[in-house]
Amino acid sequence: VVTLPKGQDPADAPTGFEARLAGAESYVVYRVRLELERTPDKQEAFVRAREVLQRTEDSPDWQDALRLLSGRLNLPKETLSSLAPKGGVRTITQELSPKMLQKGDRLERDALGACVANSSLVKLLAELSPEHFDAPLHRRFRDQLVVGGDDDGDLLELKAELDARAAREGLDERVGQQLLLRLRERRLKAEAAHAEPRLQQELGEAIVKVRGAIEELSVERT
């Protein structure tokens, strides 16, 4: 989804269009995110998002939208398994396996795991708002790392899991910087997808800069 200012053609401002294009996301993900963010009541948000999913055929974008819905509303697997795309058949997967559900929040968990293993990253984590994380538990853990406070059972369990994850995946400081930048990029793309046209170019340019920083870290690593 790319929105241009009224009366503007992409050929009139190619640089600006490229910046907006960088912030684009698929239509189904955009619609689900829009319903979740503009509807304060969780049940109503679920109903509206479900209607969007039911009108859309299965695809990788459909799966991404489903994972977004799962993370935002913390839905149980049974509820998610009842959701189907247009036509009623998932061509990618018939059931929502734990592996698929984990894929939706892998970026968030890897980023937090890197922060657990590398305390120097917490300062960068503090630059990200809770809204950069879709899962409520991840938002709470982010706040605990940044602000502090008592650990409850869920946070202690997550911390142990993330610590082991960081060791297993080799999540060092540089990798952590890339992961945090990817979270920033994801949030900027979400904002750009339904921002006012006058802000879309600014957000698109910010996305380009973030991607450049990610590439620089990748080059340094090699």
N, C-alpha and C. Protein backbone atom coordinates (compact mmCIF):
# COMPACT_ATOMS: atom_id res chain seq x y z
N VAL A 1 0.85 -1.18 0.00
CA VAL A 1 0.00 0.00 0.00
C VAL A 1 0.89 1.23 0.00
N VAL A 2 0.81 2.05 -1.06
CA VAL A 2 1.57 3.29 -1.17
C VAL A 2 0.59 4.41 -1.48
N THR A 3 0.51 5.41 -0.61
CA THR A 3 -0.40 6.53 -0.80
C THR A 3 0.38 7.76 -1.21
N LEU A 4 -0.02 8.37 -2.34
CA LEU A 4 0.63 9.58 -2.83
C LEU A 4 -0.22 10.80 -2.50
N PRO A 5 0.41 11.96 -2.38
CA PRO A 5 -0.38 13.19 -2.20
C PRO A 5 -1.35 13.37 -3.35
N LYS A 6 -2.47 13.99 -3.10
CA LYS A 6 -3.51 14.18 -4.11
C LYS A 6 -2.95 14.90 -5.33
N GLY A 7 -3.18 14.32 -6.50
CA GLY A 7 -2.77 14.94 -7.75
C GLY A 7 -1.33 14.66 -8.14
N GLN A 8 -0.59 13.90 -7.32
CA GLN A 8 0.82 13.66 -7.65
C GLN A 8 0.97 12.31 -8.32
N ASP A 9 1.76 12.27 -9.38
CA ASP A 9 2.07 11.05 -10.10
C ASP A 9 3.46 10.59 -9.68
N PRO A 10 3.71 9.26 -9.60
CA PRO A 10 5.04 8.79 -9.22
C PRO A 10 6.16 9.39 -10.06
N ALA A 11 5.87 9.66 -11.35
CA ALA A 11 6.89 10.22 -12.24
C ALA A 11 7.24 11.66 -11.88
N ASP A 12 6.33 12.33 -11.17
CA ASP A 12 6.59 13.72 -10.82
C ASP A 12 7.64 13.86 -9.72
N ALA A 13 7.74 12.85 -8.88
CA ALA A 13 8.69 12.92 -7.76
C ALA A 13 9.21 11.51 -7.50
N PRO A 14 10.08 11.01 -8.41
CA PRO A 14 10.55 9.63 -8.29
C PRO A 14 11.26 9.34 -6.98
N THR A 15 12.04 10.29 -6.48
CA THR A 15 12.76 10.06 -5.23
C THR A 15 11.79 9.90 -4.08
N GLY A 16 10.81 10.78 -4.04
CA GLY A 16 9.82 10.69 -2.98
C GLY A 16 9.01 9.42 -3.06
N PHE A 17 8.69 8.99 -4.31
CA PHE A 17 7.92 7.76 -4.45
C PHE A 17 8.73 6.56 -3.98
N GLU A 18 10.02 6.54 -4.28
CA GLU A 18 10.86 5.43 -3.83
C GLU A 18 10.90 5.38 -2.31
N ALA A 19 10.94 6.55 -1.67
CA ALA A 19 10.93 6.58 -0.21
C ALA A 19 9.62 6.03 0.33
N ARG A 20 8.51 6.42 -0.32
CA ARG A 20 7.21 5.90 0.12
C ARG A 20 7.10 4.40 -0.14
N LEU A 21 7.65 3.97 -1.26
CA LEU A 21 7.61 2.55 -1.60
C LEU A 21 8.35 1.72 -0.55
N ALA A 22 9.42 2.28 0.00
CA ALA A 22 10.17 1.57 1.04
C ALA A 22 9.32 1.32 2.27
N GLY A 23 8.34 2.19 2.48
CA GLY A 23 7.48 2.03 3.65
C GLY A 23 6.20 1.27 3.38
N ALA A 24 6.07 0.72 2.18
CA ALA A 24 4.83 0.03 1.83
C ALA A 24 4.75 -1.34 2.49
N GLU A 25 3.52 -1.79 2.74
CA GLU A 25 3.31 -3.15 3.22
C GLU A 25 2.11 -3.71 2.46
N SER A 26 1.94 -5.01 2.52
CA SER A 26 0.86 -5.63 1.77
C SER A 26 -0.50 -5.12 2.24
N TYR A 27 -1.48 -5.20 1.34
CA TYR A 27 -2.80 -4.65 1.64
C TYR A 27 -3.45 -5.38 2.81
N VAL A 28 -3.36 -6.71 2.84
CA VAL A 28 -4.05 -7.45 3.91
C VAL A 28 -3.41 -7.17 5.26
N VAL A 29 -2.08 -7.06 5.31
CA VAL A 29 -1.42 -6.72 6.57
C VAL A 29 -1.80 -5.31 7.00
N TYR A 30 -1.82 -4.40 6.04
CA TYR A 30 -2.22 -3.02 6.32
C TYR A 30 -3.62 -2.95 6.90
N ARG A 31 -4.58 -3.67 6.29
CA ARG A 31 -5.96 -3.62 6.75
C ARG A 31 -6.11 -4.21 8.14
N VAL A 32 -5.45 -5.34 8.40
CA VAL A 32 -5.53 -5.95 9.73
C VAL A 32 -4.91 -5.03 10.77
N ARG A 33 -3.75 -4.46 10.46
CA ARG A 33 -3.10 -3.55 11.40
C ARG A 33 -3.99 -2.33 11.66
N LEU A 34 -4.62 -1.82 10.61
CA LEU A 34 -5.49 -0.66 10.74
C LEU A 34 -6.66 -0.96 11.67
N GLU A 35 -7.30 -2.11 11.50
CA GLU A 35 -8.43 -2.47 12.35
C GLU A 35 -7.99 -2.64 13.80
N LEU A 36 -6.82 -3.21 14.02
CA LEU A 36 -6.32 -3.41 15.38
C LEU A 36 -6.01 -2.09 16.06
N GLU A 37 -5.48 -1.13 15.31
CA GLU A 37 -5.03 0.12 15.92
C GLU A 37 -6.15 1.14 16.09
N ARG A 38 -7.21 1.02 15.28
CA ARG A 38 -8.27 2.03 15.40
C ARG A 38 -9.47 1.53 16.20
N THR A 39 -9.43 0.28 16.65
CA THR A 39 -10.54 -0.29 17.41
C THR A 39 -10.08 -0.63 18.82
N PRO A 40 -10.46 0.15 19.83
CA PRO A 40 -9.98 -0.08 21.19
C PRO A 40 -10.48 -1.37 21.82
N ASP A 41 -11.69 -1.80 21.45
CA ASP A 41 -12.25 -3.02 22.02
C ASP A 41 -11.64 -4.24 21.33
N LYS A 42 -11.03 -5.14 22.10
CA LYS A 42 -10.33 -6.29 21.52
C LYS A 42 -11.27 -7.21 20.76
N GLN A 43 -12.46 -7.44 21.30
CA GLN A 43 -13.39 -8.34 20.63
C GLN A 43 -13.82 -7.77 19.28
N GLU A 44 -14.13 -6.48 19.28
CA GLU A 44 -14.53 -5.85 18.02
C GLU A 44 -13.38 -5.83 17.03
N ALA A 45 -12.16 -5.58 17.53
CA ALA A 45 -10.99 -5.58 16.65
C ALA A 45 -10.79 -6.96 16.03
N PHE A 46 -11.00 -8.00 16.83
CA PHE A 46 -10.86 -9.37 16.32
C PHE A 46 -11.89 -9.65 15.23
N VAL A 47 -13.13 -9.25 15.47
CA VAL A 47 -14.20 -9.49 14.49
C VAL A 47 -13.89 -8.78 13.17
N ARG A 48 -13.44 -7.52 13.26
CA ARG A 48 -13.14 -6.76 12.04
C ARG A 48 -11.95 -7.35 11.29
N ALA A 49 -10.91 -7.72 12.05
CA ALA A 49 -9.73 -8.31 11.41
C ALA A 49 -10.08 -9.65 10.78
N ARG A 50 -10.93 -10.42 11.45
CA ARG A 50 -11.35 -11.71 10.90
C ARG A 50 -12.07 -11.53 9.57
N GLU A 51 -12.90 -10.51 9.48
CA GLU A 51 -13.62 -10.25 8.23
C GLU A 51 -12.64 -9.94 7.10
N VAL A 52 -11.58 -9.18 7.42
CA VAL A 52 -10.56 -8.88 6.41
C VAL A 52 -9.89 -10.16 5.93
N LEU A 53 -9.52 -11.03 6.87
CA LEU A 53 -8.85 -12.28 6.52
C LEU A 53 -9.75 -13.19 5.71
N GLN A 54 -11.02 -13.24 6.04
CA GLN A 54 -11.95 -14.13 5.34
C GLN A 54 -12.23 -13.67 3.92
N ARG A 55 -11.98 -12.40 3.63
CA ARG A 55 -12.19 -11.88 2.28
C ARG A 55 -10.95 -11.98 1.40
N THR A 56 -9.86 -12.49 1.97
CA THR A 56 -8.57 -12.50 1.27
C THR A 56 -8.08 -13.92 1.06
N GLU A 57 -7.58 -14.21 -0.13
CA GLU A 57 -7.07 -15.55 -0.42
C GLU A 57 -5.75 -15.80 0.30
N ASP A 58 -5.46 -17.07 0.51
CA ASP A 58 -4.26 -17.46 1.24
C ASP A 58 -3.00 -17.07 0.46
N SER A 59 -2.00 -16.62 1.18
CA SER A 59 -0.72 -16.20 0.60
C SER A 59 0.24 -15.95 1.75
N PRO A 60 1.54 -15.75 1.46
CA PRO A 60 2.46 -15.37 2.54
C PRO A 60 2.02 -14.10 3.26
N ASP A 61 1.44 -13.14 2.51
CA ASP A 61 0.96 -11.92 3.15
C ASP A 61 -0.20 -12.22 4.09
N TRP A 62 -1.08 -13.14 3.70
CA TRP A 62 -2.20 -13.54 4.56
C TRP A 62 -1.66 -14.14 5.86
N GLN A 63 -0.64 -14.97 5.73
CA GLN A 63 -0.04 -15.58 6.92
C GLN A 63 0.59 -14.52 7.82
N ASP A 64 1.23 -13.52 7.21
CA ASP A 64 1.82 -12.43 8.00
C ASP A 64 0.73 -11.66 8.76
N ALA A 65 -0.39 -11.43 8.09
CA ALA A 65 -1.50 -10.73 8.75
C ALA A 65 -2.06 -11.55 9.90
N LEU A 66 -2.12 -12.86 9.72
CA LEU A 66 -2.61 -13.74 10.79
C LEU A 66 -1.66 -13.71 11.99
N ARG A 67 -0.36 -13.71 11.71
CA ARG A 67 0.61 -13.65 12.81
C ARG A 67 0.53 -12.31 13.54
N LEU A 68 0.29 -11.23 12.80
CA LEU A 68 0.12 -9.93 13.42
C LEU A 68 -1.09 -9.95 14.36
N LEU A 69 -2.19 -10.51 13.90
CA LEU A 69 -3.39 -10.62 14.72
C LEU A 69 -3.13 -11.44 15.97
N SER A 70 -2.41 -12.54 15.80
CA SER A 70 -2.08 -13.41 16.94
C SER A 70 -1.26 -12.68 17.98
N GLY A 71 -0.23 -11.95 17.52
CA GLY A 71 0.64 -11.25 18.46
C GLY A 71 -0.04 -10.12 19.18
N ARG A 72 -0.85 -9.36 18.48
CA ARG A 72 -1.49 -8.19 19.08
C ARG A 72 -2.55 -8.57 20.11
N LEU A 73 -3.34 -9.60 19.80
CA LEU A 73 -4.45 -9.97 20.68
C LEU A 73 -4.14 -11.17 21.56
N ASN A 74 -2.94 -11.75 21.38
CA ASN A 74 -2.53 -12.89 22.20
C ASN A 74 -3.57 -14.00 22.14
N LEU A 75 -3.95 -14.37 20.93
CA LEU A 75 -5.01 -15.35 20.73
C LEU A 75 -4.50 -16.77 20.91
N PRO A 76 -5.33 -17.65 21.48
CA PRO A 76 -4.93 -19.05 21.62
C PRO A 76 -4.89 -19.75 20.27
N LYS A 77 -4.15 -20.83 20.21
CA LYS A 77 -3.99 -21.57 18.96
C LYS A 77 -5.34 -22.05 18.43
N GLU A 78 -6.24 -22.45 19.33
CA GLU A 78 -7.54 -22.96 18.90
C GLU A 78 -8.31 -21.90 18.12
N THR A 79 -8.26 -20.65 18.60
CA THR A 79 -8.96 -19.57 17.91
C THR A 79 -8.34 -19.31 16.54
N LEU A 80 -7.02 -19.28 16.50
CA LEU A 80 -6.33 -19.02 15.24
C LEU A 80 -6.60 -20.12 14.22
N SER A 81 -6.67 -21.36 14.70
CA SER A 81 -6.90 -22.48 13.79
C SER A 81 -8.26 -22.42 13.13
N SER A 82 -9.19 -21.68 13.75
CA SER A 82 -10.54 -21.58 13.19
C SER A 82 -10.62 -20.53 12.09
N LEU A 83 -9.59 -19.72 11.93
CA LEU A 83 -9.60 -18.67 10.91
C LEU A 83 -9.14 -19.24 9.57
N ALA A 84 -9.83 -18.87 8.53
CA ALA A 84 -9.49 -19.39 7.20
C ALA A 84 -9.58 -18.26 6.19
N PRO A 85 -8.76 -18.34 5.13
CA PRO A 85 -8.81 -17.33 4.07
C PRO A 85 -10.01 -17.57 3.15
N LYS A 86 -10.15 -16.72 2.16
CA LYS A 86 -11.21 -16.87 1.16
C LYS A 86 -11.08 -18.23 0.49
N GLY A 87 -12.16 -18.96 0.45
CA GLY A 87 -12.11 -20.31 -0.11
C GLY A 87 -11.99 -21.37 0.95
N GLY A 88 -11.59 -20.97 2.17
CA GLY A 88 -11.58 -21.88 3.30
C GLY A 88 -10.41 -22.82 3.37
N VAL A 89 -9.38 -22.65 2.51
CA VAL A 89 -8.25 -23.57 2.51
C VAL A 89 -6.95 -22.80 2.61
N ARG A 90 -6.09 -23.22 3.52
CA ARG A 90 -4.75 -22.65 3.61
C ARG A 90 -3.83 -23.44 2.70
N THR A 91 -3.27 -22.78 1.70
CA THR A 91 -2.39 -23.49 0.77
C THR A 91 -1.00 -23.66 1.33
N ILE A 92 -0.62 -22.81 2.28
CA ILE A 92 0.73 -22.89 2.83
C ILE A 92 0.79 -23.91 3.96
N THR A 93 -0.20 -23.89 4.82
CA THR A 93 -0.23 -24.83 5.93
C THR A 93 -1.67 -25.02 6.37
N GLN A 94 -2.04 -26.24 6.62
CA GLN A 94 -3.41 -26.52 7.04
C GLN A 94 -3.62 -26.21 8.51
N GLU A 95 -2.61 -26.34 9.30
CA GLU A 95 -2.73 -26.08 10.73
C GLU A 95 -1.67 -25.08 11.16
N LEU A 96 -1.97 -24.36 12.21
CA LEU A 96 -1.01 -23.40 12.76
C LEU A 96 -0.11 -24.14 13.73
N SER A 97 1.04 -24.56 13.27
CA SER A 97 1.96 -25.29 14.13
C SER A 97 2.67 -24.31 15.06
N PRO A 98 3.22 -24.82 16.18
CA PRO A 98 4.00 -23.95 17.06
C PRO A 98 5.13 -23.26 16.32
N LYS A 99 5.74 -23.96 15.35
CA LYS A 99 6.84 -23.35 14.59
C LYS A 99 6.36 -22.13 13.83
N MET A 100 5.16 -22.22 13.23
CA MET A 100 4.63 -21.09 12.48
C MET A 100 4.31 -19.93 13.39
N LEU A 101 3.70 -20.24 14.54
CA LEU A 101 3.36 -19.18 15.47
C LEU A 101 4.61 -18.48 15.99
N GLN A 102 5.68 -19.26 16.21
CA GLN A 102 6.93 -18.68 16.69
C GLN A 102 7.55 -17.76 15.64
N LYS A 103 7.32 -18.08 14.37
CA LYS A 103 7.92 -17.27 13.32
C LYS A 103 7.46 -15.83 13.38
N GLY A 104 6.21 -15.65 13.80
CA GLY A 104 5.67 -14.30 13.87
C GLY A 104 6.36 -13.42 14.89
N ASP A 105 6.86 -14.00 15.97
CA ASP A 105 7.50 -13.17 17.00
C ASP A 105 8.99 -13.47 17.14
N ARG A 106 9.55 -14.16 16.14
CA ARG A 106 10.97 -14.51 16.22
C ARG A 106 11.86 -13.28 16.29
N LEU A 107 11.55 -12.27 15.48
CA LEU A 107 12.34 -11.05 15.49
C LEU A 107 12.33 -10.41 16.87
N GLU A 108 11.15 -10.33 17.48
CA GLU A 108 11.04 -9.71 18.80
C GLU A 108 11.84 -10.49 19.84
N ARG A 109 11.71 -11.81 19.82
CA ARG A 109 12.42 -12.63 20.80
C ARG A 109 13.94 -12.58 20.60
N ASP A 110 14.37 -12.61 19.34
CA ASP A 110 15.81 -12.52 19.09
C ASP A 110 16.37 -11.18 19.56
N ALA A 111 15.64 -10.11 19.29
CA ALA A 111 16.10 -8.78 19.72
C ALA A 111 16.19 -8.69 21.23
N LEU A 112 15.18 -9.18 21.92
CA LEU A 112 15.20 -9.16 23.38
C LEU A 112 16.27 -10.09 23.93
N GLY A 113 16.45 -11.23 23.28
CA GLY A 113 17.49 -12.16 23.71
C GLY A 113 18.88 -11.55 23.60
N ALA A 114 19.11 -10.81 22.52
CA ALA A 114 20.40 -10.13 22.35
C ALA A 114 20.61 -9.11 23.45
N CYS A 115 19.54 -8.43 23.86
CA CYS A 115 19.65 -7.44 24.94
C CYS A 115 19.93 -8.10 26.28
N VAL A 116 19.37 -9.28 26.49
CA VAL A 116 19.64 -10.02 27.73
C VAL A 116 21.11 -10.42 27.78
N ALA A 117 21.64 -10.85 26.65
CA ALA A 117 23.03 -11.32 26.59
C ALA A 117 24.04 -10.18 26.51
N ASN A 118 23.61 -9.01 26.06
CA ASN A 118 24.51 -7.87 25.88
C ASN A 118 23.87 -6.63 26.50
N SER A 119 24.20 -6.35 27.73
CA SER A 119 23.55 -5.26 28.46
C SER A 119 23.76 -3.90 27.79
N SER A 120 24.82 -3.78 26.99
CA SER A 120 25.08 -2.51 26.31
C SER A 120 23.96 -2.16 25.32
N LEU A 121 23.18 -3.15 24.91
CA LEU A 121 22.11 -2.91 23.95
C LEU A 121 20.85 -2.33 24.58
N VAL A 122 20.77 -2.36 25.90
CA VAL A 122 19.56 -1.88 26.57
C VAL A 122 19.33 -0.41 26.27
N LYS A 123 20.41 0.36 26.14
CA LYS A 123 20.26 1.78 25.81
C LYS A 123 19.60 1.95 24.45
N LEU A 124 19.94 1.10 23.49
CA LEU A 124 19.29 1.15 22.18
C LEU A 124 17.85 0.66 22.27
N LEU A 125 17.62 -0.34 23.11
CA LEU A 125 16.26 -0.84 23.30
C LEU A 125 15.36 0.25 23.86
N ALA A 126 15.92 1.09 24.74
CA ALA A 126 15.13 2.17 25.35
C ALA A 126 14.65 3.18 24.31
N GLU A 127 15.34 3.24 23.16
CA GLU A 127 14.92 4.16 22.10
C GLU A 127 13.70 3.64 21.34
N LEU A 128 13.37 2.38 21.55
CA LEU A 128 12.18 1.79 20.94
C LEU A 128 11.04 1.83 21.95
N SER A 129 9.87 2.19 21.51
CA SER A 129 8.71 2.23 22.40
C SER A 129 8.14 0.83 22.56
N PRO A 130 7.28 0.62 23.55
CA PRO A 130 6.61 -0.68 23.68
C PRO A 130 5.85 -1.07 22.42
N GLU A 131 5.37 -0.07 21.67
CA GLU A 131 4.59 -0.34 20.46
C GLU A 131 5.42 -0.96 19.34
N HIS A 132 6.74 -0.98 19.49
CA HIS A 132 7.58 -1.66 18.51
C HIS A 132 7.43 -3.18 18.62
N PHE A 133 6.81 -3.65 19.69
CA PHE A 133 6.61 -5.08 19.92
C PHE A 133 5.12 -5.39 19.82
N ASP A 134 4.79 -6.47 19.11
CA ASP A 134 3.39 -6.85 18.95
C ASP A 134 2.87 -7.65 20.14
N ALA A 135 3.69 -8.55 20.68
CA ALA A 135 3.25 -9.43 21.75
C ALA A 135 3.22 -8.68 23.09
N PRO A 136 2.11 -8.75 23.83
CA PRO A 136 2.03 -8.06 25.13
C PRO A 136 3.13 -8.49 26.09
N LEU A 137 3.47 -9.78 26.11
CA LEU A 137 4.52 -10.24 27.01
C LEU A 137 5.86 -9.63 26.65
N HIS A 138 6.13 -9.46 25.38
CA HIS A 138 7.39 -8.86 24.95
C HIS A 138 7.44 -7.38 25.33
N ARG A 139 6.30 -6.72 25.29
CA ARG A 139 6.25 -5.31 25.71
C ARG A 139 6.57 -5.20 27.20
N ARG A 140 6.02 -6.10 27.98
CA ARG A 140 6.29 -6.09 29.42
C ARG A 140 7.76 -6.36 29.70
N PHE A 141 8.34 -7.30 28.93
CA PHE A 141 9.75 -7.63 29.15
C PHE A 141 10.64 -6.47 28.73
N ARG A 142 10.29 -5.82 27.66
CA ARG A 142 11.04 -4.63 27.23
C ARG A 142 11.03 -3.59 28.33
N ASP A 143 9.85 -3.34 28.93
CA ASP A 143 9.74 -2.36 30.01
C ASP A 143 10.58 -2.78 31.21
N GLN A 144 10.60 -4.07 31.51
CA GLN A 144 11.37 -4.55 32.65
C GLN A 144 12.86 -4.33 32.44
N LEU A 145 13.34 -4.56 31.21
CA LEU A 145 14.75 -4.35 30.92
C LEU A 145 15.12 -2.87 30.96
N VAL A 146 14.24 -2.03 30.46
CA VAL A 146 14.54 -0.60 30.34
C VAL A 146 14.31 0.14 31.64
N VAL A 147 13.17 -0.11 32.27
CA VAL A 147 12.78 0.65 33.46
C VAL A 147 13.12 -0.08 34.74
N GLY A 148 13.09 -1.40 34.69
CA GLY A 148 13.31 -2.19 35.90
C GLY A 148 11.99 -2.58 36.54
N GLY A 149 12.07 -3.21 37.68
CA GLY A 149 10.86 -3.65 38.37
C GLY A 149 10.97 -5.12 38.72
N ASP A 150 9.95 -5.60 39.40
CA ASP A 150 9.94 -6.99 39.85
C ASP A 150 9.64 -7.93 38.70
N ASP A 151 10.30 -9.10 38.73
CA ASP A 151 10.03 -10.15 37.75
C ASP A 151 8.90 -11.03 38.26
N ASP A 152 7.87 -11.24 37.43
CA ASP A 152 6.87 -12.23 37.81
C ASP A 152 7.24 -13.55 37.13
N GLY A 153 6.40 -14.55 37.32
CA GLY A 153 6.73 -15.87 36.79
C GLY A 153 6.89 -15.89 35.29
N ASP A 154 6.00 -15.18 34.58
CA ASP A 154 6.07 -15.17 33.12
C ASP A 154 7.35 -14.51 32.62
N LEU A 155 7.74 -13.41 33.26
CA LEU A 155 8.95 -12.70 32.84
C LEU A 155 10.20 -13.51 33.15
N LEU A 156 10.22 -14.18 34.29
CA LEU A 156 11.37 -15.01 34.65
C LEU A 156 11.51 -16.17 33.67
N GLU A 157 10.40 -16.77 33.31
CA GLU A 157 10.43 -17.88 32.35
C GLU A 157 10.91 -17.39 30.99
N LEU A 158 10.42 -16.23 30.56
CA LEU A 158 10.84 -15.68 29.28
C LEU A 158 12.32 -15.32 29.30
N LYS A 159 12.78 -14.75 30.40
CA LYS A 159 14.20 -14.38 30.50
C LYS A 159 15.10 -15.59 30.35
N ALA A 160 14.73 -16.69 31.00
CA ALA A 160 15.53 -17.91 30.90
C ALA A 160 15.54 -18.43 29.46
N GLU A 161 14.38 -18.37 28.82
CA GLU A 161 14.28 -18.82 27.43
C GLU A 161 15.13 -17.95 26.50
N LEU A 162 15.08 -16.63 26.71
CA LEU A 162 15.82 -15.71 25.85
C LEU A 162 17.32 -15.83 26.07
N ASP A 163 17.72 -16.07 27.30
CA ASP A 163 19.14 -16.24 27.61
C ASP A 163 19.68 -17.46 26.87
N ALA A 164 18.93 -18.56 26.92
CA ALA A 164 19.34 -19.77 26.21
C ALA A 164 19.31 -19.54 24.70
N ARG A 165 18.33 -18.81 24.24
CA ARG A 165 18.20 -18.51 22.81
C ARG A 165 19.40 -17.72 22.31
N ALA A 166 19.82 -16.72 23.08
CA ALA A 166 20.95 -15.89 22.69
C ALA A 166 22.23 -16.71 22.57
N ALA A 167 22.42 -17.62 23.52
CA ALA A 167 23.61 -18.47 23.48
C ALA A 167 23.56 -19.43 22.29
N ARG A 168 22.39 -19.99 22.05
CA ARG A 168 22.24 -20.97 20.96
C ARG A 168 22.39 -20.34 19.59
N GLU A 169 21.85 -19.13 19.42
CA GLU A 169 21.85 -18.47 18.11
C GLU A 169 23.04 -17.54 17.90
N GLY A 170 23.89 -17.39 18.92
CA GLY A 170 25.03 -16.50 18.78
C GLY A 170 24.64 -15.05 18.61
N LEU A 171 23.72 -14.58 19.45
CA LEU A 171 23.21 -13.21 19.34
C LEU A 171 24.15 -12.25 20.05
N ASP A 172 25.19 -11.83 19.35
CA ASP A 172 26.16 -10.91 19.94
C ASP A 172 25.68 -9.47 19.79
N GLU A 173 26.54 -8.52 20.18
CA GLU A 173 26.14 -7.12 20.18
C GLU A 173 25.80 -6.61 18.78
N ARG A 174 26.61 -6.96 17.80
CA ARG A 174 26.37 -6.45 16.45
C ARG A 174 25.08 -7.03 15.87
N VAL A 175 24.86 -8.31 16.09
CA VAL A 175 23.60 -8.91 15.63
C VAL A 175 22.43 -8.25 16.33
N GLY A 176 22.59 -7.97 17.63
CA GLY A 176 21.54 -7.30 18.37
C GLY A 176 21.22 -5.92 17.82
N GLN A 177 22.24 -5.20 17.41
CA GLN A 177 22.02 -3.89 16.80
C GLN A 177 21.18 -4.01 15.53
N GLN A 178 21.50 -5.03 14.72
CA GLN A 178 20.72 -5.25 13.49
C GLN A 178 19.27 -5.59 13.81
N LEU A 179 19.07 -6.43 14.80
CA LEU A 179 17.71 -6.85 15.16
C LEU A 179 16.88 -5.67 15.66
N LEU A 180 17.49 -4.83 16.47
CA LEU A 180 16.77 -3.65 16.97
C LEU A 180 16.45 -2.69 15.83
N LEU A 181 17.37 -2.58 14.87
CA LEU A 181 17.10 -1.75 13.70
C LEU A 181 15.95 -2.32 12.87
N ARG A 182 15.88 -3.64 12.79
CA ARG A 182 14.79 -4.25 12.03
C ARG A 182 13.44 -4.02 12.71
N LEU A 183 13.44 -4.00 14.03
CA LEU A 183 12.21 -3.65 14.74
C LEU A 183 11.81 -2.20 14.45
N ARG A 184 12.80 -1.33 14.41
CA ARG A 184 12.53 0.07 14.09
C ARG A 184 11.99 0.19 12.66
N GLU A 185 12.60 -0.55 11.73
CA GLU A 185 12.13 -0.53 10.34
C GLU A 185 10.69 -1.03 10.24
N ARG A 186 10.38 -2.09 10.95
CA ARG A 186 9.03 -2.64 10.90
C ARG A 186 7.99 -1.64 11.39
N ARG A 187 8.33 -0.94 12.48
CA ARG A 187 7.40 0.04 13.02
C ARG A 187 7.23 1.23 12.07
N LEU A 188 8.32 1.68 11.48
CA LEU A 188 8.24 2.78 10.53
C LEU A 188 7.38 2.41 9.33
N LYS A 189 7.50 1.17 8.86
CA LYS A 189 6.69 0.71 7.74
C LYS A 189 5.21 0.70 8.11
N ALA A 190 4.92 0.29 9.34
CA ALA A 190 3.53 0.27 9.79
C ALA A 190 2.97 1.69 9.86
N GLU A 191 3.77 2.62 10.35
CA GLU A 191 3.32 4.01 10.44
C GLU A 191 3.15 4.62 9.05
N ALA A 192 4.08 4.30 8.16
CA ALA A 192 4.03 4.88 6.82
C ALA A 192 2.83 4.37 6.03
N ALA A 193 2.40 3.15 6.34
CA ALA A 193 1.33 2.53 5.57
C ALA A 193 0.02 3.29 5.68
N HIS A 194 -0.23 3.95 6.82
CA HIS A 194 -1.49 4.69 6.95
C HIS A 194 -1.26 6.10 7.48
N ALA A 195 -0.08 6.66 7.17
CA ALA A 195 0.20 8.03 7.57
C ALA A 195 -0.38 9.01 6.55
N GLU A 196 -0.49 10.26 6.97
CA GLU A 196 -0.90 11.30 6.03
C GLU A 196 0.13 11.40 4.91
N PRO A 197 -0.31 11.69 3.69
CA PRO A 197 0.62 11.76 2.56
C PRO A 197 1.83 12.66 2.82
N ARG A 198 1.62 13.76 3.53
CA ARG A 198 2.74 14.68 3.77
C ARG A 198 3.81 14.06 4.67
N LEU A 199 3.45 13.03 5.43
CA LEU A 199 4.41 12.38 6.32
C LEU A 199 5.03 11.13 5.70
N GLN A 200 4.41 10.60 4.66
CA GLN A 200 4.87 9.33 4.11
C GLN A 200 6.28 9.42 3.54
N GLN A 201 6.59 10.53 2.87
CA GLN A 201 7.94 10.65 2.31
C GLN A 201 8.97 10.70 3.43
N GLU A 202 8.68 11.44 4.49
CA GLU A 202 9.61 11.53 5.62
C GLU A 202 9.83 10.16 6.25
N LEU A 203 8.75 9.41 6.44
CA LEU A 203 8.88 8.08 7.02
C LEU A 203 9.62 7.14 6.07
N GLY A 204 9.33 7.25 4.77
CA GLY A 204 10.02 6.42 3.80
C GLY A 204 11.52 6.68 3.79
N GLU A 205 11.90 7.94 3.89
CA GLU A 205 13.33 8.29 3.93
C GLU A 205 13.97 7.74 5.20
N ALA A 206 13.23 7.75 6.31
CA ALA A 206 13.75 7.18 7.55
C ALA A 206 13.98 5.68 7.41
N ILE A 207 13.07 5.01 6.71
CA ILE A 207 13.22 3.58 6.48
C ILE A 207 14.46 3.29 5.65
N VAL A 208 14.68 4.09 4.62
CA VAL A 208 15.87 3.92 3.78
C VAL A 208 17.14 4.06 4.62
N LYS A 209 17.17 5.02 5.53
CA LYS A 209 18.35 5.22 6.39
C LYS A 209 18.56 4.02 7.31
N VAL A 210 17.46 3.51 7.87
CA VAL A 210 17.57 2.35 8.76
C VAL A 210 18.10 1.15 8.00
N ARG A 211 17.59 0.93 6.80
CA ARG A 211 18.07 -0.19 5.99
C ARG A 211 19.54 -0.03 5.65
N GLY A 212 19.96 1.20 5.40
CA GLY A 212 21.38 1.45 5.14
C GLY A 212 22.24 1.10 6.33
N ALA A 213 21.76 1.44 7.53
CA ALA A 213 22.50 1.11 8.75
C ALA A 213 22.59 -0.40 8.95
N ILE A 214 21.51 -1.11 8.63
CA ILE A 214 21.53 -2.57 8.74
C ILE A 214 22.55 -3.16 7.78
N GLU A 215 22.59 -2.65 6.56
CA GLU A 215 23.53 -3.15 5.56
C GLU A 215 24.97 -2.87 5.98
N GLU A 216 25.22 -1.71 6.57
CA GLU A 216 26.57 -1.38 7.03
C GLU A 216 27.03 -2.36 8.10
N LEU A 217 26.14 -2.71 9.02
CA LEU A 217 26.49 -3.67 10.05
C LEU A 217 26.75 -5.05 9.45
N SER A 218 26.01 -5.40 8.40
CA SER A 218 26.22 -6.68 7.73
C SER A 218 27.59 -6.72 7.06
N VAL A 219 27.97 -5.61 6.43
CA VAL A 219 29.28 -5.53 5.77
C VAL A 219 30.40 -5.61 6.79
N GLU A 220 30.25 -4.92 7.91
CA GLU A 220 31.27 -4.95 8.95
C GLU A 220 31.45 -6.35 9.50
N ARG A 221 30.35 -7.11 9.57
CA ARG A 221 30.42 -8.46 10.12
C ARG A 221 31.18 -9.39 9.20
N THR A 222 31.04 -9.16 7.86
CA THR A 222 31.76 -9.99 6.91
C THR A 222 33.19 -9.50 6.78
